Protein backbone atom coordinates (compact mmCIF):
# COMPACT_ATOMS: atom_id res chain seq x y z
CA MET A 1 0.00 0.00 0.00
CA LYS A 2 2.83 2.40 0.88
CA LYS A 3 4.46 1.83 -2.50
CA PHE A 4 1.14 2.44 -4.25
CA LEU A 5 0.56 5.70 -2.36
CA ASN A 6 4.12 6.83 -3.04
CA ASN A 7 3.61 6.20 -6.75
CA ILE A 8 0.43 8.29 -6.74
CA ALA A 9 2.21 11.08 -4.87
CA TYR A 10 5.18 10.89 -7.24
CA TRP A 11 3.10 11.17 -10.42
CA THR A 12 1.03 13.97 -8.87
CA VAL A 13 4.09 16.02 -7.89
CA TYR A 14 5.89 15.28 -11.14
CA GLY A 15 2.77 16.08 -13.14
CA VAL A 16 2.41 19.49 -11.52
CA TRP A 17 6.16 20.17 -11.95
CA TYR A 18 5.95 19.09 -15.61
CA ALA A 19 2.89 21.26 -16.29
CA LEU A 20 4.51 24.33 -14.70
CA SER A 21 7.71 23.78 -16.65
CA LEU A 22 5.79 24.07 -19.93
CA LEU A 23 5.14 27.76 -19.25
CA PRO A 24 7.22 30.20 -21.31
CA MET A 25 10.47 31.39 -19.79
CA TRP A 26 9.20 34.96 -19.42
CA VAL A 27 6.34 33.69 -17.24
CA HIS A 28 8.84 31.87 -15.02
CA TYR A 29 10.87 35.05 -14.60
CA LEU A 30 7.72 37.04 -13.88
CA PHE A 31 7.01 34.59 -11.06
CA SER A 32 10.66 34.88 -9.95
CA ASP A 33 10.25 38.66 -9.60
CA PHE A 34 7.22 38.14 -7.36
CA LEU A 35 8.98 35.39 -5.41
CA TYR A 36 11.94 37.71 -4.84
CA LEU A 37 9.73 40.16 -2.95
CA LEU A 38 8.42 37.37 -0.73
CA VAL A 39 11.80 35.75 -0.10
CA ALA A 40 13.86 38.91 0.42
CA TYR A 41 11.40 41.23 2.18
CA VAL A 42 8.56 39.16 3.68
CA ALA A 43 10.06 35.81 4.68
CA ARG A 44 13.60 37.28 4.79
CA TYR A 45 14.90 33.80 4.01
CA ARG A 46 18.12 33.17 5.93
CA HIS A 47 18.69 36.90 5.93
CA HIS A 48 21.07 36.76 8.89
CA VAL A 49 23.16 33.97 7.35
CA VAL A 50 23.47 35.73 3.99
CA TRP A 51 24.44 39.03 5.62
CA LYS A 52 26.98 37.42 7.98
CA ASN A 53 28.61 35.47 5.14
CA LEU A 54 28.90 38.54 2.91
CA LYS A 55 30.13 40.74 5.76
CA ASN A 56 32.86 38.29 6.73
CA ALA A 57 33.89 37.53 3.15
CA TYR A 58 34.15 41.19 2.13
CA PRO A 59 35.02 43.29 5.21
CA ASP A 60 36.30 46.13 3.03
CA LYS A 61 32.97 46.66 1.31
CA SER A 62 30.56 49.24 2.67
CA ASP A 63 27.17 48.24 4.06
CA GLN A 64 25.57 49.81 1.01
CA GLU A 65 27.63 47.59 -1.32
CA LEU A 66 26.86 44.52 0.76
CA LYS A 67 23.14 45.26 0.78
CA ARG A 68 23.21 45.56 -3.00
CA LEU A 69 25.00 42.19 -3.25
CA GLN A 70 22.45 40.70 -0.88
CA ARG A 71 19.54 41.92 -3.01
CA GLN A 72 21.23 40.66 -6.17
CA PHE A 73 21.80 37.28 -4.53
CA TYR A 74 18.11 36.93 -3.65
CA ARG A 75 17.10 37.83 -7.20
CA HIS A 76 19.45 35.21 -8.63
CA PHE A 77 18.38 32.65 -6.02
CA CYS A 78 14.76 33.01 -7.14
CA ASP A 79 15.83 32.73 -10.77
CA ILE A 80 17.57 29.44 -9.94
CA LEU A 81 14.33 28.10 -8.46
CA VAL A 82 12.24 28.81 -11.57
CA GLU A 83 15.02 27.71 -13.92
CA THR A 84 15.12 24.39 -12.07
CA VAL A 85 11.39 23.98 -12.63
CA LYS A 86 11.85 24.79 -16.32
CA TYR A 87 14.58 22.15 -16.64
CA ALA A 88 11.97 19.37 -16.54
CA THR A 89 10.88 20.08 -20.14
CA ILE A 90 13.36 22.55 -21.63
CA SER A 91 14.51 21.39 -25.05
CA LYS A 92 18.10 20.43 -25.78
CA ARG A 93 18.30 23.21 -28.35
CA ASN A 94 17.10 25.80 -25.83
CA ILE A 95 19.38 24.66 -23.02
CA MET A 96 22.37 24.68 -25.39
CA ARG A 97 21.50 28.27 -26.26
CA ARG A 98 21.30 29.25 -22.60
CA MET A 99 24.14 27.16 -21.14
CA THR A 100 27.27 27.07 -23.29
CA PHE A 101 30.51 25.18 -22.65
CA LYS A 102 34.08 25.80 -23.79
CA GLY A 103 37.01 23.39 -23.67
CA SER A 104 34.96 20.24 -24.28
CA GLU A 105 37.58 19.05 -26.79
CA GLN A 106 40.09 18.68 -23.94
CA VAL A 107 37.58 16.61 -22.01
CA ALA A 108 36.93 14.35 -25.01
CA GLU A 109 40.68 13.88 -25.52
CA ILE A 110 41.14 12.78 -21.90
CA LEU A 111 38.24 10.34 -22.09
CA ASN A 112 39.52 8.94 -25.40
CA SER A 113 42.85 8.24 -23.71
CA GLY A 114 41.03 5.99 -21.27
CA GLN A 115 41.48 8.23 -18.23
CA PRO A 116 38.46 8.92 -15.99
CA ILE A 117 37.60 12.51 -15.05
CA ALA A 118 36.56 14.23 -11.83
CA LEU A 119 34.61 17.37 -12.75
CA LEU A 120 34.85 19.88 -9.89
CA LEU A 121 32.38 22.74 -9.51
CA GLY A 122 30.49 24.70 -6.88
CA HIS A 123 27.11 26.20 -6.06
CA TYR A 124 27.65 29.02 -8.50
CA GLY A 125 25.57 30.26 -11.44
CA ASN A 126 23.07 27.51 -12.21
CA TRP A 127 24.53 24.23 -11.00
CA GLU A 128 21.32 22.37 -11.90
CA TRP A 129 21.69 23.20 -15.58
CA VAL A 130 25.35 22.10 -15.57
CA THR A 131 24.26 18.52 -16.29
CA SER A 132 23.68 19.67 -19.87
CA PHE A 133 27.46 19.54 -20.39
CA ALA A 134 26.88 16.10 -21.91
CA LEU A 135 25.32 17.77 -24.95
CA TRP A 136 28.59 19.57 -25.70
CA LEU A 137 30.99 16.64 -25.65
CA PRO A 138 32.35 15.65 -29.08
CA PRO A 139 31.97 11.98 -30.05
CA VAL A 140 34.20 9.75 -27.93
CA GLU A 141 35.49 6.42 -29.24
CA ARG A 142 35.57 4.78 -25.80
CA GLU A 143 32.47 3.71 -23.90
CA VAL A 144 31.84 6.58 -21.51
CA ILE A 145 29.31 6.98 -18.70
CA LEU A 146 28.64 10.39 -17.21
CA GLY A 147 27.51 10.98 -13.65
CA GLN A 148 26.69 13.67 -11.12
CA LEU A 149 27.15 13.20 -7.40
CA TYR A 150 24.14 14.07 -5.25
CA HIS A 151 22.76 13.77 -1.72
CA PRO A 152 19.53 11.73 -1.85
CA LEU A 153 16.60 13.62 -0.34
CA GLU A 154 14.93 12.21 2.74
CA ASN A 155 11.52 12.52 1.09
CA GLU A 156 11.29 9.54 -1.27
CA VAL A 157 8.76 11.20 -3.58
CA MET A 158 10.72 14.42 -4.03
CA ASN A 159 13.93 12.44 -4.45
CA ARG A 160 12.42 10.51 -7.39
CA VAL A 161 11.19 13.76 -8.97
CA VAL A 162 14.57 15.49 -8.64
CA VAL A 163 16.50 12.46 -9.96
CA LYS A 164 14.21 12.20 -13.01
CA MET A 165 14.70 15.90 -13.74
CA ARG A 166 18.49 15.79 -13.28
CA ASN A 167 18.91 12.68 -15.45
CA ARG A 168 17.24 14.30 -18.48
CA MET A 169 20.37 15.44 -20.32
CA GLY A 170 22.46 12.26 -19.95
CA PRO A 171 24.52 12.18 -16.73
CA VAL A 172 23.06 9.84 -14.12
CA CYS A 173 22.63 10.71 -10.44
CA VAL A 174 25.13 8.90 -8.21
CA PRO A 175 24.54 8.97 -4.42
CA THR A 176 27.52 10.36 -2.51
CA THR A 177 27.99 7.11 -0.62
CA GLU A 178 28.20 5.17 -3.89
CA SER A 179 30.74 7.30 -5.77
CA LEU A 180 33.82 5.08 -5.42
CA ARG A 181 31.83 1.88 -5.99
CA TRP A 182 30.26 3.47 -9.11
CA ILE A 183 33.66 4.44 -10.55
CA ILE A 184 35.27 1.06 -9.86
CA GLY A 185 32.23 -0.89 -11.06
CA ASN A 186 32.20 0.90 -14.40
CA LYS A 187 35.98 0.53 -14.72
CA GLN A 188 35.70 -3.23 -14.27
CA GLN A 189 33.18 -3.29 -17.12
CA GLY A 190 35.50 -1.35 -19.41
CA ARG A 191 33.67 1.98 -19.20
CA ILE A 192 35.36 5.35 -18.71
CA THR A 193 33.68 7.63 -16.18
CA MET A 194 33.27 11.36 -15.81
CA LEU A 195 31.74 12.26 -12.46
CA GLY A 196 30.74 15.77 -11.37
CA TYR A 197 31.38 16.82 -7.77
CA ILE A 198 30.13 19.93 -5.98
CA ASN A 199 32.73 20.44 -3.27
CA ASP A 200 32.03 23.81 -1.62
CA GLN A 201 29.77 22.52 1.16
CA VAL A 202 30.57 22.19 4.85
CA PRO A 203 31.78 18.77 6.08
CA THR A 204 30.55 17.11 9.25
CA TRP A 205 32.82 17.35 12.30
CA LEU A 206 34.19 13.82 11.84
CA ASN A 207 35.01 14.52 8.17
CA ILE A 208 37.18 17.57 8.79
CA HIS A 209 40.77 16.74 7.82
CA HIS A 210 41.89 20.05 6.34
CA TRP A 211 41.40 23.79 6.89
CA LEU A 212 42.20 26.62 4.51
CA THR A 213 41.45 30.31 4.00
CA PHE A 214 38.46 30.69 1.71
CA LEU A 215 36.68 34.00 1.17
CA ASN A 216 38.63 35.64 3.98
CA GLN A 217 37.68 32.97 6.55
CA GLU A 218 39.27 29.87 8.02
CA THR A 219 37.27 27.10 6.40
CA PRO A 220 36.94 23.34 6.93
CA VAL A 221 36.71 21.49 3.61
CA PHE A 222 35.96 18.05 2.20
CA THR A 223 39.04 16.08 1.15
CA GLY A 224 37.38 12.79 0.14
CA ILE A 225 37.17 13.82 -3.49
CA GLU A 226 40.92 14.36 -3.58
CA ARG A 227 41.48 10.85 -2.19
CA ILE A 228 39.23 9.38 -4.90
CA VAL A 229 41.05 11.36 -7.61
CA HIS A 230 44.40 10.01 -6.39
CA SER A 231 43.28 6.40 -5.94
CA GLN A 232 41.50 6.21 -9.31
CA LYS A 233 44.09 8.28 -11.19
CA GLN A 234 41.39 10.65 -12.44
CA ALA A 235 42.10 13.82 -14.34
CA ALA A 236 40.81 16.76 -12.28
CA VAL A 237 38.87 19.34 -14.32
CA TYR A 238 37.43 22.55 -12.85
CA LEU A 239 34.26 24.07 -14.32
CA ASP A 240 34.45 27.86 -14.33
CA VAL A 241 30.95 29.34 -14.63
CA LYS A 242 29.94 32.87 -15.66
CA ARG A 243 26.46 34.37 -15.74
CA VAL A 244 26.24 36.37 -18.96
CA LYS A 245 22.72 37.68 -18.44
CA ARG A 246 19.47 36.47 -16.98
CA GLY A 247 19.00 32.84 -17.93
CA HIS A 248 22.29 32.62 -19.86
CA TYR A 249 25.56 31.12 -18.63
CA GLU A 250 29.00 30.35 -20.01
CA CYS A 251 31.05 27.47 -18.62
CA GLU A 252 34.68 26.58 -19.31
CA PHE A 253 36.38 23.25 -18.62
CA GLN A 254 39.78 23.97 -17.06
CA VAL A 255 42.16 21.05 -16.55
CA LEU A 256 43.76 21.24 -13.09
CA THR A 257 45.88 18.12 -13.48
CA ARG A 258 46.02 14.92 -15.48
CA ASP A 259 48.51 13.35 -13.08
CA PRO A 260 47.32 13.77 -9.47
CA SER A 261 50.30 11.70 -8.25
CA THR A 262 52.50 14.76 -8.82
CA MET A 263 50.49 16.80 -6.30
CA GLY A 264 51.08 16.77 -2.55
CA GLU A 265 48.51 16.15 0.15
CA PHE A 266 45.60 18.61 -0.07
CA GLU A 267 47.27 20.45 -2.97
CA LEU A 268 44.41 19.63 -5.33
CA THR A 269 41.83 20.66 -2.72
CA ASP A 270 43.64 23.97 -2.18
CA LEU A 271 43.80 24.57 -5.93
CA TYR A 272 40.08 23.86 -6.34
CA PHE A 273 39.13 26.35 -3.62
CA LYS A 274 41.49 28.96 -5.08
CA ARG A 275 39.74 28.64 -8.46
CA MET A 276 36.32 28.66 -6.78
CA GLU A 277 37.22 31.84 -4.92
CA GLN A 278 38.30 33.51 -8.16
CA THR A 279 35.00 32.55 -9.77
CA ILE A 280 33.00 33.93 -6.84
CA ASN A 281 34.97 37.18 -6.50
CA ARG A 282 34.34 37.97 -10.16
CA ALA A 283 30.60 38.29 -9.44
CA PRO A 284 29.80 37.34 -5.81
CA GLN A 285 26.01 37.61 -6.12
CA TYR A 286 25.79 34.34 -8.06
CA TRP A 287 27.14 32.08 -5.29
CA LEU A 288 24.91 30.32 -2.73
CA TRP A 289 25.37 32.71 0.23
CA SER A 290 22.35 31.32 2.10
CA HIS A 291 24.28 28.14 2.93
CA ASN A 292 25.64 28.29 6.50
CA ARG A 293 29.12 27.52 5.19
CA TRP A 294 31.11 28.61 8.24
CA LYS A 295 29.01 27.14 11.05
CA ARG A 296 31.95 24.97 12.19
CA THR A 297 34.92 26.87 13.62
CA ARG A 298 38.51 25.83 14.25
CA GLU A 299 38.14 26.83 17.89
CA GLU A 300 35.23 24.41 18.42
CA PHE A 301 37.04 21.68 16.51
CA ASP A 302 40.18 21.97 18.66
CA ARG A 303 38.08 22.05 21.82
CA TYR A 304 36.02 18.91 21.20
CA PHE A 305 37.95 16.79 18.68
CA LYS A 306 41.38 15.30 18.09
CA VAL A 307 43.03 13.64 15.10
CA VAL A 308 44.54 10.18 15.69
CA ASN A 309 46.21 8.34 12.80
CA GLY A 310 44.23 10.41 10.30
CA ARG A 311 40.89 9.82 12.02
CA VAL A 312 38.85 12.53 13.72
CA LEU A 313 37.73 11.46 17.20
CA LEU A 314 35.91 13.05 20.10
CA LYS A 315 38.20 14.05 22.95
């Protein structure tokens, strides 16, 4: 019975999402303008978090400049929401007009050589539309499977809806806990993988193995992706994203390394965050400032945790 009810709920939610996505883009942006007023001025969604993050990241900017960035962030945030809805039915021709990619020839060359790729990006621009990168890859002679790492949602119905939407353009959703198994499994079957990672989130306390300065703040970062890149000898490629105008983005594949064995511990992680910072500083309003990125501090970590043989343990 539960499965039956979940199926009804899924097709209801997906049906509504699908119907809304059929609306013209200008209607979506009209709704985004209305949503902006609600989110920024009525609900004041995570207003304190956004302001604190901007204030700490850019202490030299005046309050007036920061308030303008905050308003611009909320406008873009609402655009992301409606663009995500639109992604359920947007045509390949339309998405290729709105989301362009440069450097795909380098990516194809790496895949043709038989080397797997780790595609590194962040919550910048429109990360949901990034899965359309598959449409820009030249023909590859090897058997290639494309993937995108994601955190499964607790709500089973919404998780199925989101996965169906994200799988539309080719890359398949790979749960974070299955990433290494997915890479190795495909390798054993003779397939070359290209897996996209979003790595600018905050790790749990027990997953903090490295700190660095990011956006003017001491920041704990994930290092698991670097370990996978080293163990699987993946080429590391950064995706630099620019917002050209409303609903239009330019992305560039930038090869960080094809031989991770030449890089020291955490060197690749440091390089990724340096590139991510450059992307953000170019136009800060298009990053996800509402994420409580700096909720874990070094002071708290040193007070309650210790590192023993590479493992983080409670004191």
